[in-house]
């Protein structure tokens, strides 16, 4: 059986590895795109619906080419899609890559929940001690 045939274990391992790398690359580019506050603001505006680059640029004190660079980063990350209708180039939100980010963050939820539960237990434990010690020195 050839190594690159669809039934080969090497073929499946290679495909799985390539999928994992491309998935990791996608996640990296999505997180990098979301790291910038201007790009997050652009995405927030696109939640309302598709709009032109000119409209997206209005609230920012930067040039149109600078906004276009931000849009290219968002487009490469797959967070927006740009269309073409005559002279109008509308941008629209494509939130699918954010699902992968949400899944990553959600995988840490059990850690947060456990940490908050430990904090809650600790605060519950120290409250009676604080009440016994706390107000003795403060006479008004």
Protein backbone atom coordinates (compact mmCIF):
# COMPACT_ATOMS: atom_id res chain seq x y z
CA UNK A 1 0.00 0.00 0.00
CA UNK A 2 1.51 3.40 -0.96
CA UNK A 3 2.20 5.80 1.91
CA UNK A 4 0.00 8.52 0.45
CA UNK A 5 -3.03 6.37 -0.26
CA UNK A 6 -6.21 7.36 1.57
CA UNK A 7 -6.19 4.10 3.61
CA UNK A 8 -2.61 4.53 4.88
CA UNK A 9 -2.09 5.41 8.61
CA UNK A 10 0.63 7.85 7.54
CA UNK A 11 -1.87 9.60 5.26
CA UNK A 12 -4.38 9.99 8.10
CA UNK A 13 -1.72 11.15 10.55
CA UNK A 14 -0.44 13.68 8.04
CA UNK A 15 -3.96 14.97 7.35
CA UNK A 16 -4.68 15.22 11.07
CA UNK A 17 -1.41 17.09 11.68
CA UNK A 18 -2.12 19.49 8.79
CA UNK A 19 -5.64 20.07 10.12
CA UNK A 20 -4.31 20.78 13.61
CA UNK A 21 -1.65 23.18 12.30
CA UNK A 22 -4.08 25.02 10.05
CA UNK A 23 -6.59 25.17 12.92
CA UNK A 24 -3.88 26.58 15.19
CA UNK A 25 -2.85 29.10 12.53
CA UNK A 26 -6.47 30.19 12.13
CA UNK A 27 -6.83 30.61 15.88
CA UNK A 28 -3.57 32.58 16.05
CA UNK A 29 -4.63 34.94 13.27
CA UNK A 30 -8.08 35.39 14.83
CA UNK A 31 -6.62 36.21 18.24
CA UNK A 32 -4.05 38.55 16.68
CA UNK A 33 -6.81 40.36 14.79
CA UNK A 34 -8.93 40.67 17.93
CA UNK A 35 -5.98 42.01 19.93
CA UNK A 36 -6.31 45.49 18.43
CA UNK A 37 -9.00 47.80 19.88
CA UNK A 38 -9.61 49.48 16.49
CA UNK A 39 -10.33 46.14 14.87
CA UNK A 40 -12.64 45.15 17.72
CA UNK A 41 -14.49 48.46 17.26
CA UNK A 42 -14.82 47.76 13.53
CA UNK A 43 -16.28 44.33 14.28
CA UNK A 44 -18.68 45.88 16.79
CA UNK A 45 -19.93 48.25 14.10
CA UNK A 46 -20.37 45.35 11.66
CA UNK A 47 -22.67 43.54 14.09
CA UNK A 48 -25.38 45.97 12.95
CA UNK A 49 -24.95 44.85 9.33
CA UNK A 50 -22.76 45.36 6.31
CA UNK A 51 -21.40 48.79 5.59
CA UNK A 52 -18.86 50.55 3.42
CA UNK A 53 -15.23 51.18 4.27
CA UNK A 54 -15.92 54.92 4.31
CA UNK A 55 -18.69 54.48 6.88
CA UNK A 56 -16.49 52.21 8.98
CA UNK A 57 -13.69 54.80 8.93
CA UNK A 58 -15.83 57.75 10.10
CA UNK A 59 -15.47 57.37 13.89
CA UNK A 60 -11.70 56.86 13.76
CA UNK A 61 -9.10 59.58 13.61
CA UNK A 62 -7.02 57.77 11.01
CA UNK A 63 -6.68 57.77 7.26
CA UNK A 64 -8.75 55.57 4.96
CA UNK A 65 -5.64 53.54 3.99
CA UNK A 66 -4.99 52.86 7.70
CA UNK A 67 -8.54 51.59 8.14
CA UNK A 68 -8.08 49.47 5.01
CA UNK A 69 -5.02 47.86 6.58
CA UNK A 70 -7.10 46.94 9.62
CA UNK A 71 -9.77 45.51 7.33
CA UNK A 72 -7.16 43.40 5.52
CA UNK A 73 -6.04 41.91 8.85
CA UNK A 74 -9.66 41.12 9.73
CA UNK A 75 -10.26 39.67 6.27
CA UNK A 76 -7.15 37.45 6.44
CA UNK A 77 -8.35 36.19 9.82
CA UNK A 78 -11.71 35.36 8.23
CA UNK A 79 -13.60 37.72 10.54
CA UNK A 80 -15.01 39.86 7.75
CA UNK A 81 -15.90 39.38 4.12
CA UNK A 82 -15.84 42.10 1.52
CA UNK A 83 -18.15 42.21 -1.43
CA UNK A 84 -18.33 44.30 -4.51
CA UNK A 85 -21.35 46.07 -5.87
CA UNK A 86 -20.31 48.54 -8.58
CA UNK A 87 -18.23 51.18 -6.74
CA UNK A 88 -19.47 50.12 -3.32
CA UNK A 89 -17.34 47.57 -1.43
CA UNK A 90 -19.43 46.53 1.55
CA UNK A 91 -17.86 44.74 4.50
CA UNK A 92 -19.80 42.25 6.56
CA UNK A 93 -19.07 40.32 9.72
CA UNK A 94 -18.23 36.63 9.50
CA UNK A 95 -18.25 35.47 13.11
CA UNK A 96 -17.41 31.80 12.44
CA UNK A 97 -13.73 32.13 13.52
CA UNK A 98 -14.89 33.59 16.83
CA UNK A 99 -16.60 30.28 17.59
CA UNK A 100 -13.17 28.64 17.74
CA UNK A 101 -11.96 31.37 20.13
CA UNK A 102 -15.08 30.91 22.27
CA UNK A 103 -14.46 27.16 22.41
CA UNK A 104 -10.86 27.75 23.49
CA UNK A 105 -11.90 30.16 26.23
CA UNK A 106 -14.76 27.89 27.29
CA UNK A 107 -12.27 25.06 27.81
CA UNK A 108 -10.86 27.12 30.71
CA UNK A 109 -14.26 27.65 32.31
CA UNK A 110 -13.85 24.70 34.69
CA UNK A 111 -10.61 26.28 35.95
CA UNK A 112 -12.33 29.63 36.56
CA UNK A 113 -15.31 28.01 38.22
CA UNK A 114 -13.07 25.98 40.52
CA UNK A 115 -11.00 29.09 41.35
CA UNK A 116 -14.10 31.12 42.18
CA UNK A 117 -15.47 28.28 44.30
CA UNK A 118 -12.21 28.14 46.28
CA UNK A 119 -12.29 31.92 46.71
CA UNK A 120 -15.91 31.77 47.85
CA UNK A 121 -15.05 29.00 50.35
CA UNK A 122 -12.12 31.02 51.65
CA UNK A 123 -14.17 34.20 52.04
CA UNK A 124 -16.92 32.28 53.81
CA UNK A 125 -14.31 30.80 56.13
CA UNK A 126 -12.66 34.11 57.06
CA UNK A 127 -15.84 36.18 57.48
CA UNK A 128 -16.65 34.90 61.00
CA UNK A 129 -13.04 35.49 62.05
CA UNK A 130 -13.14 39.06 60.71
CA UNK A 131 -16.41 39.77 62.54
CA UNK A 132 -14.95 38.55 65.85
CA UNK A 133 -11.73 40.58 65.46
CA UNK A 134 -12.85 43.45 63.30
CA UNK A 135 -14.83 46.03 65.28
CA UNK A 136 -13.24 45.88 68.76
CA UNK A 137 -10.80 48.77 68.25
CA UNK A 138 -13.31 51.11 66.58
CA UNK A 139 -15.32 52.83 69.29
CA UNK A 140 -17.38 55.89 68.28
